[in-house]
């Protein structure tokens, strides 16, 4: 909440410490090498879903991922688990 200067003076006189909201630091972008066969947009989505970590160990071959719906459904919970491991 922002306080007017006269309100800040009154609060300071009562002994209250006013905190300032500081924006959170922006983490540097993560560069993860894209395996062969994965389109760039898909790879960016996978890295984002993994919380910036390298998801290549969890990935089946790109052809299997395209053809098998079970592989797609199994991949997303694994990516979310990788994101939570921070």
Foldseek 3Di string as FASTA:
>chain_A
DDDDPVVVVVCVVVPDDDDDDDDDDDDDQADDDDDPPDDPVRCVVLCVLLQNDDCVVLDDPNVCCVVPPVSVVVRNVVSNVNNVPD
